[in-house]
Amino acid sequence: MLVELVEEQSKSIVHGDRSFIAPLALTVFLWIVMMNAIDLIPVELLPWIAHNVFHIEYLRPLPTADLNGTLGMALGVLTLMIYYGVKIRASAAGCMSCLRRRSAPTRYCGRSTSCST
């Protein structure tokens, strides 16, 4: 169900090759769900096990309490959004320039009336 949900969402947002975007979106979604699901475990249980079984003095089991992982994922997703946005715009601009080369030699100046300047 999750795979189909992510596939439909990516299909409605991205028009083109989704071979990298859909699995990445599913991975990030599941990673965030699992990071937040650790909050469902009693907070004292994991540090107690770490102290009594493995002799670890300090354990902070909540991954979202440390901003390094959260900020790293946010910056990674932002970077990928910018990259794919530029990539999609560049391919769309390439198609538009290809269409312009095939059309008449007159240029459009941006006014409501057409002109040949």
N, C-alpha and C. Protein backbone atom coordinates (compact mmCIF):
# COMPACT_ATOMS: atom_id res chain seq x y z
N MET A 1 0.82 -1.19 0.00
CA MET A 1 0.00 0.00 0.00
C MET A 1 0.87 1.25 0.00
N LEU A 2 1.96 1.23 0.78
CA LEU A 2 2.83 2.39 0.83
C LEU A 2 3.53 2.64 -0.50
N VAL A 3 3.94 1.57 -1.15
CA VAL A 3 4.62 1.72 -2.44
C VAL A 3 3.67 2.33 -3.46
N GLU A 4 2.44 1.85 -3.49
CA GLU A 4 1.47 2.41 -4.42
C GLU A 4 1.14 3.85 -4.09
N LEU A 5 1.03 4.17 -2.80
CA LEU A 5 0.76 5.54 -2.39
C LEU A 5 1.87 6.48 -2.85
N VAL A 6 3.11 6.10 -2.61
CA VAL A 6 4.23 6.95 -3.01
C VAL A 6 4.33 7.04 -4.52
N GLU A 7 4.07 5.94 -5.21
CA GLU A 7 4.12 5.96 -6.67
C GLU A 7 3.07 6.90 -7.25
N GLU A 8 1.86 6.87 -6.72
CA GLU A 8 0.80 7.78 -7.20
C GLU A 8 1.13 9.23 -6.87
N GLN A 9 1.66 9.49 -5.68
CA GLN A 9 2.04 10.85 -5.32
C GLN A 9 3.15 11.38 -6.23
N SER A 10 4.17 10.56 -6.46
CA SER A 10 5.27 11.01 -7.32
C SER A 10 4.81 11.16 -8.77
N LYS A 11 3.86 10.32 -9.20
CA LYS A 11 3.34 10.44 -10.55
C LYS A 11 2.57 11.74 -10.74
N SER A 12 1.85 12.18 -9.70
CA SER A 12 1.08 13.42 -9.82
C SER A 12 1.97 14.66 -9.70
N ILE A 13 3.12 14.53 -9.07
CA ILE A 13 4.00 15.70 -8.87
C ILE A 13 5.05 15.80 -9.96
N VAL A 14 5.70 14.69 -10.30
CA VAL A 14 6.82 14.70 -11.24
C VAL A 14 6.35 14.10 -12.56
N HIS A 15 6.50 14.85 -13.62
CA HIS A 15 6.15 14.37 -14.95
C HIS A 15 7.45 14.05 -15.67
N GLY A 16 7.78 12.81 -15.72
CA GLY A 16 9.03 12.40 -16.35
C GLY A 16 9.55 11.14 -15.68
N ASP A 17 10.87 11.00 -15.65
CA ASP A 17 11.50 9.81 -15.08
C ASP A 17 11.43 9.87 -13.56
N ARG A 18 10.75 8.87 -12.97
CA ARG A 18 10.62 8.81 -11.51
C ARG A 18 11.39 7.63 -10.94
N SER A 19 12.36 7.11 -11.67
CA SER A 19 13.06 5.91 -11.21
C SER A 19 13.92 6.17 -9.98
N PHE A 20 14.29 7.40 -9.73
CA PHE A 20 15.08 7.73 -8.55
C PHE A 20 14.24 8.42 -7.48
N ILE A 21 13.26 9.19 -7.89
CA ILE A 21 12.50 10.02 -6.95
C ILE A 21 11.55 9.19 -6.09
N ALA A 22 10.83 8.26 -6.67
CA ALA A 22 9.86 7.47 -5.91
C ALA A 22 10.52 6.61 -4.84
N PRO A 23 11.59 5.86 -5.13
CA PRO A 23 12.24 5.10 -4.05
C PRO A 23 12.85 5.99 -2.98
N LEU A 24 13.38 7.13 -3.38
CA LEU A 24 13.94 8.07 -2.40
C LEU A 24 12.85 8.61 -1.48
N ALA A 25 11.70 8.95 -2.04
CA ALA A 25 10.59 9.45 -1.23
C ALA A 25 10.10 8.39 -0.26
N LEU A 26 10.01 7.15 -0.71
CA LEU A 26 9.58 6.06 0.17
C LEU A 26 10.60 5.83 1.28
N THR A 27 11.88 5.88 0.96
CA THR A 27 12.93 5.69 1.95
C THR A 27 12.90 6.79 3.01
N VAL A 28 12.79 8.03 2.58
CA VAL A 28 12.75 9.15 3.53
C VAL A 28 11.49 9.06 4.40
N PHE A 29 10.36 8.70 3.79
CA PHE A 29 9.12 8.57 4.56
C PHE A 29 9.24 7.50 5.63
N LEU A 30 9.73 6.32 5.25
CA LEU A 30 9.87 5.24 6.23
C LEU A 30 10.91 5.56 7.29
N TRP A 31 11.98 6.24 6.91
CA TRP A 31 13.01 6.63 7.87
C TRP A 31 12.43 7.57 8.92
N ILE A 32 11.65 8.54 8.50
CA ILE A 32 11.05 9.49 9.43
C ILE A 32 10.03 8.79 10.33
N VAL A 33 9.23 7.89 9.76
CA VAL A 33 8.25 7.15 10.57
C VAL A 33 8.96 6.32 11.63
N MET A 34 10.03 5.63 11.25
CA MET A 34 10.75 4.80 12.22
C MET A 34 11.44 5.65 13.28
N MET A 35 11.96 6.81 12.90
CA MET A 35 12.59 7.69 13.88
C MET A 35 11.57 8.19 14.90
N ASN A 36 10.39 8.46 14.45
CA ASN A 36 9.35 8.94 15.36
C ASN A 36 8.67 7.80 16.11
N ALA A 37 8.72 6.58 15.57
CA ALA A 37 8.09 5.44 16.25
C ALA A 37 8.88 5.01 17.48
N ILE A 38 10.14 5.39 17.56
CA ILE A 38 10.93 5.05 18.74
C ILE A 38 10.35 5.75 19.97
N ASP A 39 9.65 6.84 19.77
CA ASP A 39 8.99 7.53 20.90
C ASP A 39 7.92 6.67 21.55
N LEU A 40 7.42 5.66 20.85
CA LEU A 40 6.39 4.80 21.42
C LEU A 40 6.96 3.82 22.46
N ILE A 41 8.26 3.55 22.37
CA ILE A 41 8.91 2.70 23.37
C ILE A 41 9.09 3.53 24.64
N PRO A 42 8.88 2.96 25.81
CA PRO A 42 9.10 3.73 27.03
C PRO A 42 10.52 4.30 27.07
N VAL A 43 10.63 5.57 27.41
CA VAL A 43 11.88 6.31 27.32
C VAL A 43 12.95 5.73 28.24
N GLU A 44 12.59 5.19 29.38
CA GLU A 44 13.57 4.68 30.32
C GLU A 44 14.02 3.26 30.01
N LEU A 45 13.33 2.55 29.14
CA LEU A 45 13.64 1.15 28.88
C LEU A 45 14.99 0.96 28.18
N LEU A 46 15.21 1.65 27.08
CA LEU A 46 16.46 1.48 26.34
C LEU A 46 17.69 1.92 27.13
N PRO A 47 17.67 3.07 27.81
CA PRO A 47 18.85 3.41 28.62
C PRO A 47 19.08 2.42 29.77
N TRP A 48 18.01 1.87 30.34
CA TRP A 48 18.17 0.88 31.41
C TRP A 48 18.84 -0.39 30.88
N ILE A 49 18.40 -0.85 29.70
CA ILE A 49 19.02 -2.02 29.08
C ILE A 49 20.47 -1.73 28.73
N ALA A 50 20.74 -0.55 28.18
CA ALA A 50 22.12 -0.20 27.83
C ALA A 50 23.02 -0.14 29.06
N HIS A 51 22.50 0.38 30.16
CA HIS A 51 23.32 0.50 31.37
C HIS A 51 23.54 -0.84 32.05
N ASN A 52 22.49 -1.64 32.17
CA ASN A 52 22.59 -2.90 32.91
C ASN A 52 23.15 -4.06 32.09
N VAL A 53 22.94 -4.08 30.81
CA VAL A 53 23.39 -5.20 29.99
C VAL A 53 24.73 -4.89 29.31
N PHE A 54 24.83 -3.70 28.70
CA PHE A 54 26.02 -3.37 27.92
C PHE A 54 26.98 -2.42 28.65
N HIS A 55 26.63 -1.99 29.83
CA HIS A 55 27.44 -1.09 30.67
C HIS A 55 27.76 0.24 29.96
N ILE A 56 26.79 0.73 29.27
CA ILE A 56 26.90 2.05 28.63
C ILE A 56 26.28 3.05 29.60
N GLU A 57 27.06 4.09 29.94
CA GLU A 57 26.60 5.04 30.95
C GLU A 57 25.51 5.97 30.45
N TYR A 58 25.59 6.40 29.23
CA TYR A 58 24.64 7.39 28.73
C TYR A 58 24.11 6.94 27.37
N LEU A 59 22.80 6.93 27.23
CA LEU A 59 22.17 6.59 25.95
C LEU A 59 20.96 7.48 25.77
N ARG A 60 20.92 8.14 24.65
CA ARG A 60 19.76 8.96 24.30
C ARG A 60 19.08 8.30 23.11
N PRO A 61 17.99 7.58 23.33
CA PRO A 61 17.42 6.74 22.27
C PRO A 61 16.60 7.50 21.22
N LEU A 62 16.32 8.76 21.43
CA LEU A 62 15.45 9.48 20.50
C LEU A 62 16.29 10.10 19.38
N PRO A 63 16.20 9.58 18.15
CA PRO A 63 17.02 10.12 17.07
C PRO A 63 16.62 11.53 16.66
N THR A 64 15.38 11.91 16.90
CA THR A 64 14.96 13.25 16.52
C THR A 64 15.37 14.30 17.56
N ALA A 65 15.90 13.86 18.70
CA ALA A 65 16.37 14.82 19.71
C ALA A 65 17.68 15.47 19.27
N ASP A 66 18.46 14.80 18.43
CA ASP A 66 19.69 15.34 17.91
C ASP A 66 19.41 15.95 16.54
N LEU A 67 19.79 17.19 16.35
CA LEU A 67 19.45 17.87 15.11
C LEU A 67 20.33 17.48 13.93
N ASN A 68 21.41 16.74 14.14
CA ASN A 68 22.30 16.39 13.03
C ASN A 68 21.59 15.52 12.00
N GLY A 69 20.89 14.49 12.42
CA GLY A 69 20.19 13.62 11.47
C GLY A 69 19.03 14.33 10.80
N THR A 70 18.27 15.06 11.59
CA THR A 70 17.11 15.77 11.04
C THR A 70 17.55 16.85 10.05
N LEU A 71 18.55 17.63 10.43
CA LEU A 71 19.04 18.69 9.55
C LEU A 71 19.71 18.11 8.31
N GLY A 72 20.42 17.00 8.47
CA GLY A 72 21.06 16.36 7.32
C GLY A 72 20.04 15.87 6.31
N MET A 73 18.96 15.25 6.78
CA MET A 73 17.92 14.79 5.86
C MET A 73 17.23 15.97 5.19
N ALA A 74 16.97 17.02 5.95
CA ALA A 74 16.30 18.19 5.39
C ALA A 74 17.17 18.85 4.31
N LEU A 75 18.45 19.01 4.57
CA LEU A 75 19.34 19.61 3.57
C LEU A 75 19.52 18.70 2.35
N GLY A 76 19.56 17.40 2.59
CA GLY A 76 19.65 16.47 1.46
C GLY A 76 18.44 16.53 0.56
N VAL A 77 17.25 16.56 1.15
CA VAL A 77 16.02 16.64 0.36
C VAL A 77 15.93 18.00 -0.35
N LEU A 78 16.32 19.08 0.33
CA LEU A 78 16.32 20.40 -0.30
C LEU A 78 17.27 20.45 -1.49
N THR A 79 18.45 19.88 -1.32
CA THR A 79 19.42 19.85 -2.42
C THR A 79 18.88 19.06 -3.61
N LEU A 80 18.28 17.92 -3.34
CA LEU A 80 17.72 17.12 -4.43
C LEU A 80 16.54 17.82 -5.10
N MET A 81 15.73 18.54 -4.34
CA MET A 81 14.62 19.29 -4.93
C MET A 81 15.13 20.37 -5.87
N ILE A 82 16.17 21.09 -5.43
CA ILE A 82 16.74 22.14 -6.29
C ILE A 82 17.35 21.52 -7.54
N TYR A 83 18.08 20.43 -7.39
CA TYR A 83 18.72 19.77 -8.54
C TYR A 83 17.68 19.31 -9.56
N TYR A 84 16.66 18.60 -9.09
CA TYR A 84 15.66 18.09 -10.03
C TYR A 84 14.79 19.21 -10.59
N GLY A 85 14.59 20.29 -9.82
CA GLY A 85 13.87 21.44 -10.36
C GLY A 85 14.62 22.08 -11.51
N VAL A 86 15.93 22.25 -11.34
CA VAL A 86 16.75 22.81 -12.42
C VAL A 86 16.80 21.85 -13.60
N LYS A 87 16.92 20.57 -13.32
CA LYS A 87 17.00 19.57 -14.38
C LYS A 87 15.72 19.54 -15.21
N ILE A 88 14.57 19.60 -14.54
CA ILE A 88 13.29 19.58 -15.25
C ILE A 88 13.10 20.86 -16.05
N ARG A 89 13.46 22.00 -15.43
CA ARG A 89 13.32 23.28 -16.16
C ARG A 89 14.25 23.33 -17.36
N ALA A 90 15.47 22.80 -17.21
CA ALA A 90 16.42 22.82 -18.32
C ALA A 90 15.91 21.95 -19.47
N SER A 91 15.34 20.80 -19.15
CA SER A 91 14.82 19.95 -20.22
C SER A 91 13.60 20.59 -20.87
N ALA A 92 12.77 21.27 -20.07
CA ALA A 92 11.61 21.96 -20.64
C ALA A 92 12.06 23.14 -21.49
N ALA A 93 13.10 23.87 -21.04
CA ALA A 93 13.60 25.00 -21.83
C ALA A 93 14.23 24.50 -23.12
N GLY A 94 14.88 23.34 -23.07
CA GLY A 94 15.45 22.77 -24.28
C GLY A 94 14.38 22.42 -25.29
N CYS A 95 13.26 21.89 -24.83
CA CYS A 95 12.15 21.57 -25.72
C CYS A 95 11.55 22.84 -26.30
N MET A 96 11.43 23.88 -25.50
CA MET A 96 10.86 25.13 -25.99
C MET A 96 11.79 25.78 -27.01
N SER A 97 13.11 25.74 -26.78
CA SER A 97 14.01 26.33 -27.76
C SER A 97 13.99 25.53 -29.05
N CYS A 98 13.79 24.22 -28.95
CA CYS A 98 13.68 23.38 -30.14
C CYS A 98 12.42 23.76 -30.93
N LEU A 99 11.33 24.01 -30.22
CA LEU A 99 10.09 24.42 -30.89
C LEU A 99 10.24 25.80 -31.51
N ARG A 100 10.96 26.70 -30.84
CA ARG A 100 11.14 28.05 -31.37
C ARG A 100 11.97 28.02 -32.65
N ARG A 101 12.97 27.15 -32.72
CA ARG A 101 13.80 27.08 -33.92
C ARG A 101 13.00 26.62 -35.12
N ARG A 102 11.98 25.80 -34.89
CA ARG A 102 11.18 25.27 -36.00
C ARG A 102 10.10 26.26 -36.44
N SER A 103 9.80 27.24 -35.59
CA SER A 103 8.72 28.17 -35.93
C SER A 103 9.23 29.27 -36.85
N ALA A 104 8.36 30.21 -37.11
CA ALA A 104 8.70 31.33 -37.98
C ALA A 104 9.81 32.17 -37.35
N PRO A 105 10.59 32.90 -38.15
CA PRO A 105 11.72 33.66 -37.61
C PRO A 105 11.32 34.88 -36.79
N THR A 106 10.05 35.23 -36.71
CA THR A 106 9.65 36.39 -35.91
C THR A 106 9.74 36.06 -34.44
N ARG A 107 10.04 37.07 -33.64
CA ARG A 107 10.17 36.88 -32.19
C ARG A 107 8.97 37.51 -31.50
N TYR A 108 8.69 37.03 -30.33
CA TYR A 108 7.60 37.56 -29.51
C TYR A 108 8.19 38.44 -28.45
N CYS A 109 7.74 39.69 -28.35
CA CYS A 109 8.36 40.64 -27.43
C CYS A 109 7.73 40.63 -26.04
N GLY A 110 6.65 39.91 -25.82
CA GLY A 110 6.05 39.82 -24.50
C GLY A 110 4.84 40.72 -24.34
N ARG A 111 4.55 41.55 -25.31
CA ARG A 111 3.35 42.40 -25.24
C ARG A 111 2.12 41.59 -25.63
N SER A 112 0.95 42.17 -25.37
CA SER A 112 -0.28 41.46 -25.71
C SER A 112 -0.47 41.36 -27.22
N THR A 113 0.08 42.29 -27.96
CA THR A 113 -0.02 42.21 -29.42
C THR A 113 1.28 41.62 -29.96
N SER A 114 1.19 40.92 -31.04
CA SER A 114 2.40 40.32 -31.59
C SER A 114 3.16 41.37 -32.40
N CYS A 115 4.44 41.24 -32.36
CA CYS A 115 5.30 42.13 -33.14
C CYS A 115 6.46 41.35 -33.67
N SER A 116 7.19 41.89 -34.57
CA SER A 116 8.30 41.17 -35.20
C SER A 116 9.66 41.75 -34.76
N THR A 117 9.71 42.37 -33.59
CA THR A 117 11.00 42.92 -33.14
C THR A 117 11.75 41.94 -32.29
